[in-house]
């Protein structure tokens, strides 16, 4: 049975299959999964399109999305090319507001978007970070979307670097460090199903 008012935020290294795990967690807890609807909400407020919001957050889509939509959704940490600065700031502000509003409803799994830093350390928030060794992630990305190992490696390096820079610039924090999370899981060691169950247990489900 779901715990009333609980929020799970899930951050991740690219290539560890975190979105599928987030979906599993939401299903097991009977929580709403907050992912693709966020840019839709922000777009309505800014009177633009979800595509424009996605472009402001990530104009250089990750390799998986360029080749096959749905492996792992792009996140705002990837540097955009050159949208207007005020639109960038408006998007950043509205994403934060939307995350807070979804959190206020409770019973939600919020994927990416810096939600762990937006919401901070709270009793009703479980902040999860999922990771795996780089070689494992390279193999996973390569096998999942059918690209060469060196292409997968280059994409992982690019996105890891972009996420670190984004978190440092926007929040003055270090991406992936233990103090910014309540639970850190090695997907390669534990497997997707066990990771999902550990998150559910930690959330009180």
C-alpha atoms as a PDB file:
ATOM      1  CA  UNK A   1       0.000   0.000   0.000  1.00  0.00           C
ATOM      2  CA  UNK A   2       1.379   3.429  -0.958  1.00  0.00           C
ATOM      3  CA  UNK A   3       2.466   5.864   1.740  1.00  0.00           C
ATOM      4  CA  UNK A   4       0.360   9.033   1.497  1.00  0.00           C
ATOM      5  CA  UNK A   5       2.310  12.080   0.407  1.00  0.00           C
ATOM      6  CA  UNK A   6       5.663  10.398  -0.355  1.00  0.00           C
ATOM      7  CA  UNK A   7       7.823  11.612  -3.255  1.00  0.00           C
ATOM      8  CA  UNK A   8      10.652   9.661  -4.876  1.00  0.00           C
ATOM      9  CA  UNK A   9      13.178  11.556  -6.992  1.00  0.00           C
ATOM     10  CA  UNK A  10      15.369   9.534  -9.325  1.00  0.00           C
ATOM     11  CA  UNK A  11      18.646  10.857 -10.700  1.00  0.00           C
ATOM     12  CA  UNK A  12      20.997   8.755 -12.763  1.00  0.00           C
ATOM     13  CA  UNK A  13      24.108   8.289 -14.811  1.00  0.00           C
ATOM     14  CA  UNK A  14      23.189   7.975 -18.465  1.00  0.00           C
ATOM     15  CA  UNK A  15      23.077   4.401 -19.706  1.00  0.00           C
ATOM     16  CA  UNK A  16      22.130   2.545 -16.537  1.00  0.00           C
ATOM     17  CA  UNK A  17      18.478   1.967 -17.459  1.00  0.00           C
ATOM     18  CA  UNK A  18      17.063   4.263 -14.790  1.00  0.00           C
ATOM     19  CA  UNK A  19      13.877   5.236 -16.602  1.00  0.00           C
ATOM     20  CA  UNK A  20      12.678   1.627 -16.809  1.00  0.00           C
ATOM     21  CA  UNK A  21      13.401   1.242 -13.100  1.00  0.00           C
ATOM     22  CA  UNK A  22      11.523   4.468 -12.334  1.00  0.00           C
ATOM     23  CA  UNK A  23       8.516   3.132 -14.226  1.00  0.00           C
ATOM     24  CA  UNK A  24       8.654  -0.111 -12.273  1.00  0.00           C
ATOM     25  CA  UNK A  25       8.866   1.755  -8.965  1.00  0.00           C
ATOM     26  CA  UNK A  26       5.892   3.940  -9.849  1.00  0.00           C
ATOM     27  CA  UNK A  27       3.865   0.879 -10.815  1.00  0.00           C
ATOM     28  CA  UNK A  28       4.753  -1.030  -7.649  1.00  0.00           C
ATOM     29  CA  UNK A  29       3.942   1.941  -5.400  1.00  0.00           C
ATOM     30  CA  UNK A  30       0.943   3.008  -7.486  1.00  0.00           C
ATOM     31  CA  UNK A  31       2.474   6.460  -7.768  1.00  0.00           C
ATOM     32  CA  UNK A  32       2.347   8.863 -10.676  1.00  0.00           C
ATOM     33  CA  UNK A  33       5.496   8.868 -12.796  1.00  0.00           C
ATOM     34  CA  UNK A  34       6.450  12.464 -13.555  1.00  0.00           C
ATOM     35  CA  UNK A  35       8.604  12.612 -16.652  1.00  0.00           C
ATOM     36  CA  UNK A  36       7.270  13.575 -20.082  1.00  0.00           C
ATOM     37  CA  UNK A  37       4.384  15.668 -18.702  1.00  0.00           C
ATOM     38  CA  UNK A  38       6.716  18.265 -17.166  1.00  0.00           C
ATOM     39  CA  UNK A  39       7.650  20.014 -20.435  1.00  0.00           C
ATOM     40  CA  UNK A  40       3.950  19.999 -21.382  1.00  0.00           C
ATOM     41  CA  UNK A  41       3.045  21.862 -18.183  1.00  0.00           C
ATOM     42  CA  UNK A  42       5.900  24.328 -18.609  1.00  0.00           C
ATOM     43  CA  UNK A  43       5.005  24.905 -22.263  1.00  0.00           C
ATOM     44  CA  UNK A  44       1.424  25.842 -21.381  1.00  0.00           C
ATOM     45  CA  UNK A  45       2.638  28.391 -18.846  1.00  0.00           C
ATOM     46  CA  UNK A  46       5.099  29.944 -21.258  1.00  0.00           C
ATOM     47  CA  UNK A  47       2.652  29.754 -24.192  1.00  0.00           C
ATOM     48  CA  UNK A  48       5.052  27.740 -26.281  1.00  0.00           C
ATOM     49  CA  UNK A  49       5.404  24.107 -27.334  1.00  0.00           C
ATOM     50  CA  UNK A  50       6.759  21.161 -25.333  1.00  0.00           C
ATOM     51  CA  UNK A  51       9.359  20.793 -28.086  1.00  0.00           C
ATOM     52  CA  UNK A  52      10.569  24.341 -27.434  1.00  0.00           C
ATOM     53  CA  UNK A  53      10.880  23.589 -23.722  1.00  0.00           C
ATOM     54  CA  UNK A  54      12.787  20.389 -24.463  1.00  0.00           C
ATOM     55  CA  UNK A  55      15.014  22.328 -26.837  1.00  0.00           C
ATOM     56  CA  UNK A  56      15.747  24.928 -24.152  1.00  0.00           C
ATOM     57  CA  UNK A  57      16.658  22.191 -21.710  1.00  0.00           C
ATOM     58  CA  UNK A  58      18.527  20.040 -24.216  1.00  0.00           C
ATOM     59  CA  UNK A  59      19.018  21.187 -27.778  1.00  0.00           C
ATOM     60  CA  UNK A  60      21.510  18.378 -28.372  1.00  0.00           C
ATOM     61  CA  UNK A  61      19.438  15.266 -27.765  1.00  0.00           C
ATOM     62  CA  UNK A  62      21.206  12.182 -26.535  1.00  0.00           C
ATOM     63  CA  UNK A  63      22.284   9.460 -28.921  1.00  0.00           C
ATOM     64  CA  UNK A  64      19.501   7.105 -27.911  1.00  0.00           C
ATOM     65  CA  UNK A  65      16.828   9.660 -28.688  1.00  0.00           C
ATOM     66  CA  UNK A  66      18.376  10.540 -31.999  1.00  0.00           C
ATOM     67  CA  UNK A  67      18.323   6.885 -33.047  1.00  0.00           C
ATOM     68  CA  UNK A  68      15.447   5.354 -31.102  1.00  0.00           C
ATOM     69  CA  UNK A  69      13.060   7.275 -28.870  1.00  0.00           C
ATOM     70  CA  UNK A  70      12.442   5.906 -25.405  1.00  0.00           C
ATOM     71  CA  UNK A  71      15.665   4.333 -24.122  1.00  0.00           C
ATOM     72  CA  UNK A  72      16.261   7.108 -21.652  1.00  0.00           C
ATOM     73  CA  UNK A  73      14.618  10.502 -21.928  1.00  0.00           C
ATOM     74  CA  UNK A  74      16.865  13.541 -22.227  1.00  0.00           C
ATOM     75  CA  UNK A  75      17.329  15.601 -19.077  1.00  0.00           C
ATOM     76  CA  UNK A  76      17.946  19.315 -18.586  1.00  0.00           C
ATOM     77  CA  UNK A  77      21.582  18.730 -17.688  1.00  0.00           C
ATOM     78  CA  UNK A  78      22.639  18.532 -21.328  1.00  0.00           C
ATOM     79  CA  UNK A  79      23.774  21.939 -22.521  1.00  0.00           C
ATOM     80  CA  UNK A  80      21.575  23.721 -25.002  1.00  0.00           C
ATOM     81  CA  UNK A  81      22.963  25.411 -28.087  1.00  0.00           C
ATOM     82  CA  UNK A  82      21.825  29.040 -28.155  1.00  0.00           C
ATOM     83  CA  UNK A  83      18.223  29.831 -27.189  1.00  0.00           C
ATOM     84  CA  UNK A  84      17.457  33.287 -25.858  1.00  0.00           C
ATOM     85  CA  UNK A  85      18.823  33.637 -22.342  1.00  0.00           C
ATOM     86  CA  UNK A  86      15.558  34.921 -20.890  1.00  0.00           C
ATOM     87  CA  UNK A  87      13.639  31.946 -22.319  1.00  0.00           C
ATOM     88  CA  UNK A  88      16.229  29.620 -20.781  1.00  0.00           C
ATOM     89  CA  UNK A  89      15.758  31.277 -17.403  1.00  0.00           C
ATOM     90  CA  UNK A  90      11.980  31.196 -17.720  1.00  0.00           C
ATOM     91  CA  UNK A  91      12.081  27.473 -18.478  1.00  0.00           C
ATOM     92  CA  UNK A  92      14.410  26.809 -15.576  1.00  0.00           C
ATOM     93  CA  UNK A  93      12.129  28.696 -13.181  1.00  0.00           C
ATOM     94  CA  UNK A  94       8.952  27.038 -14.434  1.00  0.00           C
ATOM     95  CA  UNK A  95      10.463  23.533 -14.297  1.00  0.00           C
ATOM     96  CA  UNK A  96      11.336  24.151 -10.651  1.00  0.00           C
ATOM     97  CA  UNK A  97       7.814  25.360  -9.942  1.00  0.00           C
ATOM     98  CA  UNK A  98       6.246  22.389 -11.715  1.00  0.00           C
ATOM     99  CA  UNK A  99       8.414  19.946  -9.743  1.00  0.00           C
ATOM    100  CA  UNK A 100       7.321  21.570  -6.479  1.00  0.00           C
ATOM    101  CA  UNK A 101       3.670  21.392  -7.493  1.00  0.00           C
ATOM    102  CA  UNK A 102       3.853  17.705  -8.416  1.00  0.00           C
ATOM    103  CA  UNK A 103       5.643  17.064  -5.118  1.00  0.00           C
ATOM    104  CA  UNK A 104       2.910  18.898  -3.214  1.00  0.00           C
ATOM    105  CA  UNK A 105       0.392  16.355  -4.506  1.00  0.00           C
ATOM    106  CA  UNK A 106       2.440  13.503  -3.066  1.00  0.00           C
ATOM    107  CA  UNK A 107       2.655   9.909  -4.235  1.00  0.00           C
ATOM    108  CA  UNK A 108       4.935  10.663  -7.183  1.00  0.00           C
ATOM    109  CA  UNK A 109       8.131   9.383  -8.762  1.00  0.00           C
ATOM    110  CA  UNK A 110       9.874  12.372 -10.352  1.00  0.00           C
ATOM    111  CA  UNK A 111      12.466  11.400 -12.927  1.00  0.00           C
ATOM    112  CA  UNK A 112      15.430  13.720 -13.441  1.00  0.00           C
ATOM    113  CA  UNK A 113      14.932  17.478 -13.823  1.00  0.00           C
ATOM    114  CA  UNK A 114      17.156  18.125 -10.779  1.00  0.00           C
ATOM    115  CA  UNK A 115      14.203  17.281  -8.526  1.00  0.00           C
ATOM    116  CA  UNK A 116      16.447  16.048  -5.704  1.00  0.00           C
ATOM    117  CA  UNK A 117      18.054  19.497  -5.513  1.00  0.00           C
ATOM    118  CA  UNK A 118      14.829  21.425  -6.070  1.00  0.00           C
ATOM    119  CA  UNK A 119      13.077  19.625  -3.206  1.00  0.00           C
ATOM    120  CA  UNK A 120      16.111  19.135  -0.965  1.00  0.00           C
ATOM    121  CA  UNK A 121      16.313  17.060   2.173  1.00  0.00           C
ATOM    122  CA  UNK A 122      12.772  16.448   3.417  1.00  0.00           C
ATOM    123  CA  UNK A 123      11.121  13.681   5.390  1.00  0.00           C
ATOM    124  CA  UNK A 124       8.578  13.074   2.634  1.00  0.00           C
ATOM    125  CA  UNK A 125      11.195  12.892  -0.148  1.00  0.00           C
ATOM    126  CA  UNK A 126      13.367   9.878  -0.988  1.00  0.00           C
ATOM    127  CA  UNK A 127      16.252  10.999  -3.217  1.00  0.00           C
ATOM    128  CA  UNK A 128      17.703   8.151  -5.291  1.00  0.00           C
ATOM    129  CA  UNK A 129      20.816   8.085  -7.473  1.00  0.00           C
ATOM    130  CA  UNK A 130      21.364   5.199  -9.880  1.00  0.00           C
ATOM    131  CA  UNK A 131      24.761   4.468 -11.362  1.00  0.00           C
ATOM    132  CA  UNK A 132      26.887   1.721 -12.900  1.00  0.00           C
ATOM    133  CA  UNK A 133      30.513   1.330 -14.003  1.00  0.00           C
ATOM    134  CA  UNK A 134      31.231   3.123 -17.253  1.00  0.00           C
ATOM    135  CA  UNK A 135      32.130  -0.060 -19.141  1.00  0.00           C
ATOM    136  CA  UNK A 136      28.819  -1.628 -18.147  1.00  0.00           C
ATOM    137  CA  UNK A 137      26.926   1.449 -19.295  1.00  0.00           C
ATOM    138  CA  UNK A 138      28.795   1.482 -22.587  1.00  0.00           C
ATOM    139  CA  UNK A 139      27.764  -2.110 -23.228  1.00  0.00           C
ATOM    140  CA  UNK A 140      24.182  -1.426 -22.189  1.00  0.00           C
ATOM    141  CA  UNK A 141      23.804   1.603 -24.468  1.00  0.00           C
ATOM    142  CA  UNK A 142      25.509  -0.174 -27.353  1.00  0.00           C
ATOM    143  CA  UNK A 143      23.286  -3.238 -27.068  1.00  0.00           C
ATOM    144  CA  UNK A 144      20.078  -1.292 -26.402  1.00  0.00           C
ATOM    145  CA  UNK A 145      20.209   1.020 -29.394  1.00  0.00           C
ATOM    146  CA  UNK A 146      22.550  -0.862 -31.696  1.00  0.00           C
ATOM    147  CA  UNK A 147      25.512   1.514 -31.912  1.00  0.00           C
ATOM    148  CA  UNK A 148      29.239   0.898 -31.845  1.00  0.00           C
ATOM    149  CA  UNK A 149      30.944   0.744 -28.465  1.00  0.00           C
ATOM    150  CA  UNK A 150      33.069   3.802 -29.184  1.00  0.00           C
ATOM    151  CA  UNK A 151      29.968   5.836 -30.102  1.00  0.00           C
ATOM    152  CA  UNK A 152      28.233   4.750 -26.906  1.00  0.00           C
ATOM    153  CA  UNK A 153      31.347   5.643 -24.884  1.00  0.00           C
ATOM    154  CA  UNK A 154      31.547   9.106 -26.435  1.00  0.00           C
ATOM    155  CA  UNK A 155      27.878   9.792 -25.698  1.00  0.00           C
ATOM    156  CA  UNK A 156      28.185   8.660 -22.091  1.00  0.00           C
ATOM    157  CA  UNK A 157      31.224  10.871 -21.599  1.00  0.00           C
ATOM    158  CA  UNK A 158      29.414  13.848 -23.123  1.00  0.00           C
ATOM    159  CA  UNK A 159      26.269  13.493 -21.050  1.00  0.00           C
ATOM    160  CA  UNK A 160      28.119  12.786 -17.785  1.00  0.00           C
ATOM    161  CA  UNK A 161      30.208  15.916 -18.327  1.00  0.00           C
ATOM    162  CA  UNK A 162      27.151  18.004 -19.216  1.00  0.00           C
ATOM    163  CA  UNK A 163      25.204  16.872 -16.156  1.00  0.00           C
ATOM    164  CA  UNK A 164      28.082  17.688 -13.830  1.00  0.00           C
ATOM    165  CA  UNK A 165      28.379  21.143 -15.357  1.00  0.00           C
ATOM    166  CA  UNK A 166      24.650  21.814 -15.226  1.00  0.00           C
ATOM    167  CA  UNK A 167      24.274  20.874 -11.571  1.00  0.00           C
ATOM    168  CA  UNK A 168      27.321  22.918 -10.617  1.00  0.00           C
ATOM    169  CA  UNK A 169      26.193  25.985 -12.569  1.00  0.00           C
ATOM    170  CA  UNK A 170      22.516  25.938 -11.644  1.00  0.00           C
ATOM    171  CA  UNK A 171      22.612  24.656  -8.082  1.00  0.00           C
ATOM    172  CA  UNK A 172      26.202  25.081  -6.940  1.00  0.00           C
ATOM    173  CA  UNK A 173      26.249  21.366  -6.145  1.00  0.00           C
ATOM    174  CA  UNK A 174      28.322  18.360  -7.144  1.00  0.00           C
ATOM    175  CA  UNK A 175      26.453  15.830  -9.268  1.00  0.00           C
ATOM    176  CA  UNK A 176      26.345  12.282  -7.934  1.00  0.00           C
ATOM    177  CA  UNK A 177      27.889  12.952  -4.516  1.00  0.00           C
ATOM    178  CA  UNK A 178      26.365  10.952  -1.618  1.00  0.00           C
ATOM    179  CA  UNK A 179      25.198  13.913   0.467  1.00  0.00           C
ATOM    180  CA  UNK A 180      22.720  14.933  -2.238  1.00  0.00           C
ATOM    181  CA  UNK A 181      20.907  11.584  -2.094  1.00  0.00           C
ATOM    182  CA  UNK A 182      19.360   9.224   0.435  1.00  0.00           C
ATOM    183  CA  UNK A 183      19.901   6.031  -1.562  1.00  0.00           C
ATOM    184  CA  UNK A 184      22.595   5.225  -4.129  1.00  0.00           C
ATOM    185  CA  UNK A 185      22.266   2.032  -6.188  1.00  0.00           C
ATOM    186  CA  UNK A 186      24.687   0.258  -8.521  1.00  0.00           C
ATOM    187  CA  UNK A 187      22.417  -1.129 -11.239  1.00  0.00           C
ATOM    188  CA  UNK A 188      25.148  -3.364 -12.661  1.00  0.00           C
ATOM    189  CA  UNK A 189      25.665  -5.085  -9.315  1.00  0.00           C
ATOM    190  CA  UNK A 190      22.073  -5.270  -8.105  1.00  0.00           C
ATOM    191  CA  UNK A 191      20.055  -5.581 -11.310  1.00  0.00           C
ATOM    192  CA  UNK A 192      17.029  -3.551 -12.324  1.00  0.00           C
ATOM    193  CA  UNK A 193      14.387  -5.531 -10.445  1.00  0.00           C
ATOM    194  CA  UNK A 194      16.276  -5.533  -7.154  1.00  0.00           C
ATOM    195  CA  UNK A 195      16.965  -1.812  -7.496  1.00  0.00           C
ATOM    196  CA  UNK A 196      13.267  -1.182  -8.005  1.00  0.00           C
ATOM    197  CA  UNK A 197      12.350  -3.261  -4.973  1.00  0.00           C
ATOM    198  CA  UNK A 198      14.946  -1.546  -2.779  1.00  0.00           C
ATOM    199  CA  UNK A 199      13.512   1.844  -3.730  1.00  0.00           C
ATOM    200  CA  UNK A 200       9.976   0.664  -3.008  1.00  0.00           C
ATOM    201  CA  UNK A 201      11.057  -0.640   0.398  1.00  0.00           C
ATOM    202  CA  UNK A 202      12.907   2.560   1.230  1.00  0.00           C
ATOM    203  CA  UNK A 203       9.821   4.572   0.261  1.00  0.00           C
ATOM    204  CA  UNK A 204       7.781   2.521   2.698  1.00  0.00           C
ATOM    205  CA  UNK A 205       5.859   0.514   0.139  1.00  0.00           C
END
